[in-house]
Amino acid sequence: MSMLTPPGMGGKYRVTGAAYPRMSRKRSRRRIAFAVLGSVLALALLGYGAMQLIDVFRGDSPKRNTVAGAKDCPTPAAKAAVKGGPAAASTPPKTAVVLPKPGDITVNVYNATPRAGLAKAVGDELAKRGFLIGNVGNAPADFDKKVPGTGILLGSPATDKAAFSVLGTQLPGTTQQTDTREGADIDLILGDAFKELSTKEDADKALALLANPAPAPSTC
């Protein structure tokens, strides 16, 4: 037994001079790390809760805060108040566009394609839909076999633009041109891409939309 060994101690507590007894248990590093992490999370939760309480007492909430960069649109009531009271709050009635009737539009139908009888067939169908049909035949030399698209609507510079639009509902894809004529008639020159007129149902829908255009969406 070593001289350093206290009386009565032996076995594993024996002091040999090279090692000393460890009377306390070694702490786990993992437990220390978990304790530190728990403390950090607790502090974070406390801080978040404090911020929420501050927002509540100040009256700030996600419902009241607007998105950054978004415009604050006035309500209809606010607009009415600015314009002069409750009378201005009512929405003004939508005014329909006044369009010429098909019976007020004289159409000359010309065929600029190699398809025989096309001008007459189209003219007959337009007549059934209420248009007045003028001349029918092959296209003038300036246009014959030279119209690659659906067709051309050719009229006077003084021709009502709405008349072009009404006729255009029967075959979308046409282009509009003017010449030196003085009358109000319109030439429909059928091009190579023309297949057939729009169905009467589709043409009527397009005409109704033309007469009652949808309001432009608000940018507010």
C-alpha atoms as a PDB file:
ATOM      1  CA  MET A   1       0.000   0.000   0.000  1.00  0.00           C
ATOM      2  CA  SER A   2       1.283   3.409  -0.882  1.00  0.00           C
ATOM      3  CA  MET A   3       2.025   5.900   1.765  1.00  0.00           C
ATOM      4  CA  LEU A   4      -0.431   8.272   0.031  1.00  0.00           C
ATOM      5  CA  THR A   5      -3.355   5.917   0.596  1.00  0.00           C
ATOM      6  CA  PRO A   6      -5.446   7.006   3.574  1.00  0.00           C
ATOM      7  CA  PRO A   7      -6.028   4.395   6.198  1.00  0.00           C
ATOM      8  CA  GLY A   8      -8.997   2.164   5.519  1.00  0.00           C
ATOM      9  CA  MET A   9      -9.088   2.900   1.749  1.00  0.00           C
ATOM     10  CA  GLY A  10      -8.105   0.292  -0.661  1.00  0.00           C
ATOM     11  CA  GLY A  11      -9.267  -1.437  -3.748  1.00  0.00           C
ATOM     12  CA  LYS A  12     -10.373   1.037  -6.443  1.00  0.00           C
ATOM     13  CA  TYR A  13      -9.756   3.976  -4.177  1.00  0.00           C
ATOM     14  CA  ARG A  14      -6.194   2.993  -3.655  1.00  0.00           C
ATOM     15  CA  VAL A  15      -3.776   5.757  -4.511  1.00  0.00           C
ATOM     16  CA  THR A  16      -0.810   4.463  -6.356  1.00  0.00           C
ATOM     17  CA  GLY A  17       0.762   7.792  -7.129  1.00  0.00           C
ATOM     18  CA  ALA A  18      -0.083   7.601 -10.871  1.00  0.00           C
ATOM     19  CA  ALA A  19      -3.902   8.222 -10.670  1.00  0.00           C
ATOM     20  CA  TYR A  20      -6.271   9.930  -8.263  1.00  0.00           C
ATOM     21  CA  PRO A  21      -9.818   8.924  -7.472  1.00  0.00           C
ATOM     22  CA  ARG A  22     -12.650  10.950  -9.178  1.00  0.00           C
ATOM     23  CA  MET A  23     -15.289  11.462  -6.533  1.00  0.00           C
ATOM     24  CA  SER A  24     -17.767  13.325  -8.861  1.00  0.00           C
ATOM     25  CA  ARG A  25     -19.558  12.038 -12.008  1.00  0.00           C
ATOM     26  CA  LYS A  26     -18.463  13.465 -15.389  1.00  0.00           C
ATOM     27  CA  ARG A  27     -21.073  15.821 -16.934  1.00  0.00           C
ATOM     28  CA  SER A  28     -22.331  15.013 -20.373  1.00  0.00           C
ATOM     29  CA  ARG A  29     -21.444  17.593 -23.032  1.00  0.00           C
ATOM     30  CA  ARG A  30     -24.624  16.710 -24.910  1.00  0.00           C
ATOM     31  CA  ARG A  31     -26.756  17.708 -21.939  1.00  0.00           C
ATOM     32  CA  ILE A  32     -24.975  21.032 -21.707  1.00  0.00           C
ATOM     33  CA  ALA A  33     -25.543  21.703 -25.415  1.00  0.00           C
ATOM     34  CA  PHE A  34     -29.272  20.881 -25.107  1.00  0.00           C
ATOM     35  CA  ALA A  35     -29.570  23.178 -22.124  1.00  0.00           C
ATOM     36  CA  VAL A  36     -27.989  26.087 -24.019  1.00  0.00           C
ATOM     37  CA  LEU A  37     -30.202  25.478 -27.071  1.00  0.00           C
ATOM     38  CA  GLY A  38     -33.326  25.349 -24.906  1.00  0.00           C
ATOM     39  CA  SER A  39     -32.390  28.650 -23.307  1.00  0.00           C
ATOM     40  CA  VAL A  40     -31.946  30.306 -26.703  1.00  0.00           C
ATOM     41  CA  LEU A  41     -35.321  29.027 -27.943  1.00  0.00           C
ATOM     42  CA  ALA A  42     -37.037  30.188 -24.779  1.00  0.00           C
ATOM     43  CA  LEU A  43     -35.592  33.686 -25.173  1.00  0.00           C
ATOM     44  CA  ALA A  44     -36.674  33.779 -28.823  1.00  0.00           C
ATOM     45  CA  LEU A  45     -40.245  32.776 -27.946  1.00  0.00           C
ATOM     46  CA  LEU A  46     -40.400  35.388 -25.212  1.00  0.00           C
ATOM     47  CA  GLY A  47     -39.184  38.072 -27.631  1.00  0.00           C
ATOM     48  CA  TYR A  48     -41.744  37.093 -30.313  1.00  0.00           C
ATOM     49  CA  GLY A  49     -44.561  37.118 -27.763  1.00  0.00           C
ATOM     50  CA  ALA A  50     -43.531  40.560 -26.577  1.00  0.00           C
ATOM     51  CA  MET A  51     -43.592  41.892 -30.155  1.00  0.00           C
ATOM     52  CA  GLN A  52     -47.085  40.459 -30.702  1.00  0.00           C
ATOM     53  CA  LEU A  53     -48.353  42.156 -27.557  1.00  0.00           C
ATOM     54  CA  ILE A  54     -46.861  45.455 -28.693  1.00  0.00           C
ATOM     55  CA  ASP A  55     -48.610  45.137 -32.076  1.00  0.00           C
ATOM     56  CA  VAL A  56     -51.949  44.404 -30.396  1.00  0.00           C
ATOM     57  CA  PHE A  57     -51.751  47.436 -28.143  1.00  0.00           C
ATOM     58  CA  ARG A  58     -50.651  49.672 -31.020  1.00  0.00           C
ATOM     59  CA  GLY A  59     -53.499  48.423 -33.245  1.00  0.00           C
ATOM     60  CA  ASP A  60     -51.220  46.912 -35.895  1.00  0.00           C
ATOM     61  CA  SER A  61     -52.297  43.615 -37.446  1.00  0.00           C
ATOM     62  CA  PRO A  62     -51.885  41.812 -40.792  1.00  0.00           C
ATOM     63  CA  LYS A  63     -55.439  42.765 -41.721  1.00  0.00           C
ATOM     64  CA  ARG A  64     -54.736  46.459 -41.242  1.00  0.00           C
ATOM     65  CA  ASN A  65     -51.289  46.540 -42.775  1.00  0.00           C
ATOM     66  CA  THR A  66     -51.185  46.967 -46.542  1.00  0.00           C
ATOM     67  CA  VAL A  67     -48.728  45.268 -48.847  1.00  0.00           C
ATOM     68  CA  ALA A  68     -45.694  47.377 -49.557  1.00  0.00           C
ATOM     69  CA  GLY A  69     -46.118  49.266 -52.817  1.00  0.00           C
ATOM     70  CA  ALA A  70     -49.873  48.607 -53.104  1.00  0.00           C
ATOM     71  CA  LYS A  71     -52.184  51.531 -53.774  1.00  0.00           C
ATOM     72  CA  ASP A  72     -54.868  52.477 -51.272  1.00  0.00           C
ATOM     73  CA  CYS A  73     -58.049  52.438 -53.331  1.00  0.00           C
ATOM     74  CA  PRO A  74     -60.871  54.643 -52.038  1.00  0.00           C
ATOM     75  CA  THR A  75     -64.136  52.906 -51.294  1.00  0.00           C
ATOM     76  CA  PRO A  76     -67.265  53.708 -53.332  1.00  0.00           C
ATOM     77  CA  ALA A  77     -68.591  55.681 -50.355  1.00  0.00           C
ATOM     78  CA  ALA A  78     -65.424  57.767 -50.235  1.00  0.00           C
ATOM     79  CA  LYS A  79     -65.643  58.437 -53.967  1.00  0.00           C
ATOM     80  CA  ALA A  80     -69.261  59.490 -53.555  1.00  0.00           C
ATOM     81  CA  ALA A  81     -68.346  61.868 -50.738  1.00  0.00           C
ATOM     82  CA  VAL A  82     -65.673  63.504 -52.882  1.00  0.00           C
ATOM     83  CA  LYS A  83     -68.020  63.852 -55.858  1.00  0.00           C
ATOM     84  CA  GLY A  84     -70.795  65.368 -53.825  1.00  0.00           C
ATOM     85  CA  GLY A  85     -72.836  63.126 -51.583  1.00  0.00           C
ATOM     86  CA  PRO A  86     -75.080  60.073 -51.824  1.00  0.00           C
ATOM     87  CA  ALA A  87     -76.482  61.042 -55.199  1.00  0.00           C
ATOM     88  CA  ALA A  88     -73.068  60.535 -56.731  1.00  0.00           C
ATOM     89  CA  ALA A  89     -72.667  57.102 -55.156  1.00  0.00           C
ATOM     90  CA  SER A  90     -74.959  55.415 -57.648  1.00  0.00           C
ATOM     91  CA  THR A  91     -73.195  53.818 -60.591  1.00  0.00           C
ATOM     92  CA  PRO A  92     -73.975  55.633 -63.834  1.00  0.00           C
ATOM     93  CA  PRO A  93     -75.801  53.471 -66.361  1.00  0.00           C
ATOM     94  CA  LYS A  94     -73.615  51.921 -69.037  1.00  0.00           C
ATOM     95  CA  THR A  95     -74.211  53.632 -72.361  1.00  0.00           C
ATOM     96  CA  ALA A  96     -74.503  51.315 -75.340  1.00  0.00           C
ATOM     97  CA  VAL A  97     -72.544  52.142 -78.477  1.00  0.00           C
ATOM     98  CA  VAL A  98     -74.752  53.186 -81.369  1.00  0.00           C
ATOM     99  CA  LEU A  99     -73.845  51.022 -84.369  1.00  0.00           C
ATOM    100  CA  PRO A 100     -75.170  51.127 -87.909  1.00  0.00           C
ATOM    101  CA  LYS A 101     -77.549  48.298 -88.719  1.00  0.00           C
ATOM    102  CA  PRO A 102     -76.467  45.721 -91.318  1.00  0.00           C
ATOM    103  CA  GLY A 103     -79.289  47.020 -93.549  1.00  0.00           C
ATOM    104  CA  ASP A 104     -77.584  50.432 -93.601  1.00  0.00           C
ATOM    105  CA  ILE A 105     -74.295  49.006 -94.917  1.00  0.00           C
ATOM    106  CA  THR A 106     -73.806  48.336 -98.628  1.00  0.00           C
ATOM    107  CA  VAL A 107     -71.204  45.657 -99.272  1.00  0.00           C
ATOM    108  CA  ASN A 108     -69.508  44.935-102.610  1.00  0.00           C
ATOM    109  CA  VAL A 109     -68.126  41.382-102.534  1.00  0.00           C
ATOM    110  CA  TYR A 110     -65.061  40.610-104.644  1.00  0.00           C
ATOM    111  CA  ASN A 111     -63.182  37.335-105.013  1.00  0.00           C
ATOM    112  CA  ALA A 112     -59.381  37.606-105.095  1.00  0.00           C
ATOM    113  CA  THR A 113     -58.867  33.813-104.879  1.00  0.00           C
ATOM    114  CA  PRO A 114     -58.872  31.067-107.546  1.00  0.00           C
ATOM    115  CA  ARG A 115     -62.064  29.583-106.016  1.00  0.00           C
ATOM    116  CA  ALA A 116     -64.896  30.039-108.479  1.00  0.00           C
ATOM    117  CA  GLY A 117     -68.245  31.306-107.241  1.00  0.00           C
ATOM    118  CA  LEU A 118     -66.882  32.377-103.836  1.00  0.00           C
ATOM    119  CA  ALA A 119     -68.011  36.005-104.089  1.00  0.00           C
ATOM    120  CA  LYS A 120     -71.590  35.048-104.914  1.00  0.00           C
ATOM    121  CA  ALA A 121     -71.815  32.488-102.098  1.00  0.00           C
ATOM    122  CA  VAL A 122     -70.523  34.992 -99.534  1.00  0.00           C
ATOM    123  CA  GLY A 123     -72.750  37.754-100.899  1.00  0.00           C
ATOM    124  CA  ASP A 124     -75.842  35.551-100.629  1.00  0.00           C
ATOM    125  CA  GLU A 125     -75.040  34.668 -97.011  1.00  0.00           C
ATOM    126  CA  LEU A 126     -74.429  38.300 -96.060  1.00  0.00           C
ATOM    127  CA  ALA A 127     -77.759  39.220 -97.656  1.00  0.00           C
ATOM    128  CA  LYS A 128     -79.453  36.633 -95.426  1.00  0.00           C
ATOM    129  CA  ARG A 129     -77.876  38.360 -92.430  1.00  0.00           C
ATOM    130  CA  GLY A 130     -79.368  41.709 -93.388  1.00  0.00           C
ATOM    131  CA  PHE A 131     -76.568  43.441 -95.313  1.00  0.00           C
ATOM    132  CA  LEU A 132     -77.240  45.266 -98.568  1.00  0.00           C
ATOM    133  CA  ILE A 133     -75.243  43.666-101.366  1.00  0.00           C
ATOM    134  CA  GLY A 134     -73.912  45.803-104.215  1.00  0.00           C
ATOM    135  CA  ASN A 135     -71.477  44.526-106.822  1.00  0.00           C
ATOM    136  CA  VAL A 136     -70.386  40.880-106.817  1.00  0.00           C
ATOM    137  CA  GLY A 137     -67.552  39.461-108.902  1.00  0.00           C
ATOM    138  CA  ASN A 138     -63.823  39.007-109.271  1.00  0.00           C
ATOM    139  CA  ALA A 139     -61.471  41.414-107.509  1.00  0.00           C
ATOM    140  CA  PRO A 140     -59.874  44.311-109.431  1.00  0.00           C
ATOM    141  CA  ALA A 141     -56.450  43.650-110.935  1.00  0.00           C
ATOM    142  CA  ASP A 142     -54.725  45.501-108.078  1.00  0.00           C
ATOM    143  CA  PHE A 143     -56.003  42.834-105.649  1.00  0.00           C
ATOM    144  CA  ASP A 144     -56.683  39.735-107.760  1.00  0.00           C
ATOM    145  CA  LYS A 145     -54.575  36.825-106.425  1.00  0.00           C
ATOM    146  CA  LYS A 146     -52.691  39.335-104.238  1.00  0.00           C
ATOM    147  CA  VAL A 147     -54.514  39.061-100.903  1.00  0.00           C
ATOM    148  CA  PRO A 148     -52.842  36.372 -98.761  1.00  0.00           C
ATOM    149  CA  GLY A 149     -54.936  37.030 -95.647  1.00  0.00           C
ATOM    150  CA  THR A 150     -58.614  36.514 -94.852  1.00  0.00           C
ATOM    151  CA  GLY A 151     -59.725  39.609 -96.678  1.00  0.00           C
ATOM    152  CA  ILE A 152     -59.664  43.390 -96.974  1.00  0.00           C
ATOM    153  CA  LEU A 153     -62.382  45.886 -96.121  1.00  0.00           C
ATOM    154  CA  LEU A 154     -61.960  48.800 -98.506  1.00  0.00           C
ATOM    155  CA  GLY A 155     -63.897  52.047 -98.197  1.00  0.00           C
ATOM    156  CA  SER A 156     -63.803  55.831 -98.235  1.00  0.00           C
ATOM    157  CA  PRO A 157     -61.848  57.800 -95.619  1.00  0.00           C
ATOM    158  CA  ALA A 158     -65.201  59.298 -94.656  1.00  0.00           C
ATOM    159  CA  THR A 159     -66.843  55.911 -94.112  1.00  0.00           C
ATOM    160  CA  ASP A 160     -68.076  55.392 -90.571  1.00  0.00           C
ATOM    161  CA  LYS A 161     -65.495  53.256 -88.784  1.00  0.00           C
ATOM    162  CA  ALA A 162     -68.315  51.507 -86.968  1.00  0.00           C
ATOM    163  CA  ALA A 163     -69.543  50.179 -90.330  1.00  0.00           C
ATOM    164  CA  PHE A 164     -66.161  48.490 -90.826  1.00  0.00           C
ATOM    165  CA  SER A 165     -66.458  46.966 -87.354  1.00  0.00           C
ATOM    166  CA  VAL A 166     -69.998  45.661 -87.954  1.00  0.00           C
ATOM    167  CA  LEU A 167     -68.975  43.998 -91.213  1.00  0.00           C
ATOM    168  CA  GLY A 168     -65.806  42.686 -89.538  1.00  0.00           C
ATOM    169  CA  THR A 169     -67.861  40.651 -87.068  1.00  0.00           C
ATOM    170  CA  GLN A 170     -68.856  38.389 -89.967  1.00  0.00           C
ATOM    171  CA  LEU A 171     -65.283  37.349 -90.780  1.00  0.00           C
ATOM    172  CA  PRO A 172     -62.576  38.169 -88.205  1.00  0.00           C
ATOM    173  CA  GLY A 173     -59.028  38.709 -89.387  1.00  0.00           C
ATOM    174  CA  THR A 174     -59.705  41.241 -92.136  1.00  0.00           C
ATOM    175  CA  THR A 175     -57.665  44.402 -92.559  1.00  0.00           C
ATOM    176  CA  GLN A 176     -59.067  47.863 -93.297  1.00  0.00           C
ATOM    177  CA  GLN A 177     -57.979  50.170 -96.102  1.00  0.00           C
ATOM    178  CA  THR A 178     -59.285  53.325 -97.734  1.00  0.00           C
ATOM    179  CA  ASP A 179     -59.291  54.654-101.292  1.00  0.00           C
ATOM    180  CA  THR A 180     -60.511  57.761-103.088  1.00  0.00           C
ATOM    181  CA  ARG A 181     -64.187  56.814-103.426  1.00  0.00           C
ATOM    182  CA  GLU A 182     -66.819  59.209-102.150  1.00  0.00           C
ATOM    183  CA  GLY A 183     -69.650  56.772-101.413  1.00  0.00           C
ATOM    184  CA  ALA A 184     -70.299  54.980 -98.129  1.00  0.00           C
ATOM    185  CA  ASP A 185     -70.212  51.477 -99.629  1.00  0.00           C
ATOM    186  CA  ILE A 186     -67.552  49.002 -98.498  1.00  0.00           C
ATOM    187  CA  ASP A 187     -65.687  46.493-100.640  1.00  0.00           C
ATOM    188  CA  LEU A 188     -65.142  43.067 -99.112  1.00  0.00           C
ATOM    189  CA  ILE A 189     -62.216  41.531-100.990  1.00  0.00           C
ATOM    190  CA  LEU A 190     -61.844  37.860-100.089  1.00  0.00           C
ATOM    191  CA  GLY A 191     -58.262  36.610 -99.718  1.00  0.00           C
ATOM    192  CA  ASP A 192     -56.519  33.238 -99.947  1.00  0.00           C
ATOM    193  CA  ALA A 193     -56.825  32.553 -96.181  1.00  0.00           C
ATOM    194  CA  PHE A 194     -60.606  32.936 -96.234  1.00  0.00           C
ATOM    195  CA  LYS A 195     -62.446  29.700 -95.503  1.00  0.00           C
ATOM    196  CA  GLU A 196     -65.981  30.722 -94.545  1.00  0.00           C
ATOM    197  CA  LEU A 197     -67.940  33.385 -92.708  1.00  0.00           C
ATOM    198  CA  SER A 198     -68.319  33.167 -88.957  1.00  0.00           C
ATOM    199  CA  THR A 199     -71.417  31.296 -87.900  1.00  0.00           C
ATOM    200  CA  LYS A 200     -74.394  33.588 -87.431  1.00  0.00           C
ATOM    201  CA  GLU A 201     -74.401  32.784 -83.713  1.00  0.00           C
ATOM    202  CA  ASP A 202     -70.764  33.811 -83.285  1.00  0.00           C
ATOM    203  CA  ALA A 203     -71.272  36.909 -85.433  1.00  0.00           C
ATOM    204  CA  ASP A 204     -74.291  37.959 -83.358  1.00  0.00           C
ATOM    205  CA  LYS A 205     -72.297  37.522 -80.127  1.00  0.00           C
ATOM    206  CA  ALA A 206     -69.451  39.622 -81.524  1.00  0.00           C
ATOM    207  CA  LEU A 207     -71.936  42.274 -82.637  1.00  0.00           C
ATOM    208  CA  ALA A 208     -73.575  42.358 -79.181  1.00  0.00           C
ATOM    209  CA  LEU A 209     -70.171  42.746 -77.526  1.00  0.00           C
ATOM    210  CA  LEU A 210     -69.346  45.525 -79.951  1.00  0.00           C
ATOM    211  CA  ALA A 211     -72.560  47.358 -79.026  1.00  0.00           C
ATOM    212  CA  ASN A 212     -72.068  46.815 -75.267  1.00  0.00           C
ATOM    213  CA  PRO A 213     -68.337  46.745 -74.586  1.00  0.00           C
ATOM    214  CA  ALA A 214     -67.219  45.475 -71.186  1.00  0.00           C
ATOM    215  CA  PRO A 215     -65.923  48.225 -68.868  1.00  0.00           C
ATOM    216  CA  ALA A 216     -62.184  48.491 -68.551  1.00  0.00           C
ATOM    217  CA  PRO A 217     -60.826  46.880 -65.374  1.00  0.00           C
ATOM    218  CA  SER A 218     -59.911  49.311 -62.613  1.00  0.00           C
ATOM    219  CA  THR A 219     -56.173  49.915 -62.164  1.00  0.00           C
ATOM    220  CA  CYS A 220     -56.700  51.034 -58.570  1.00  0.00           C
END
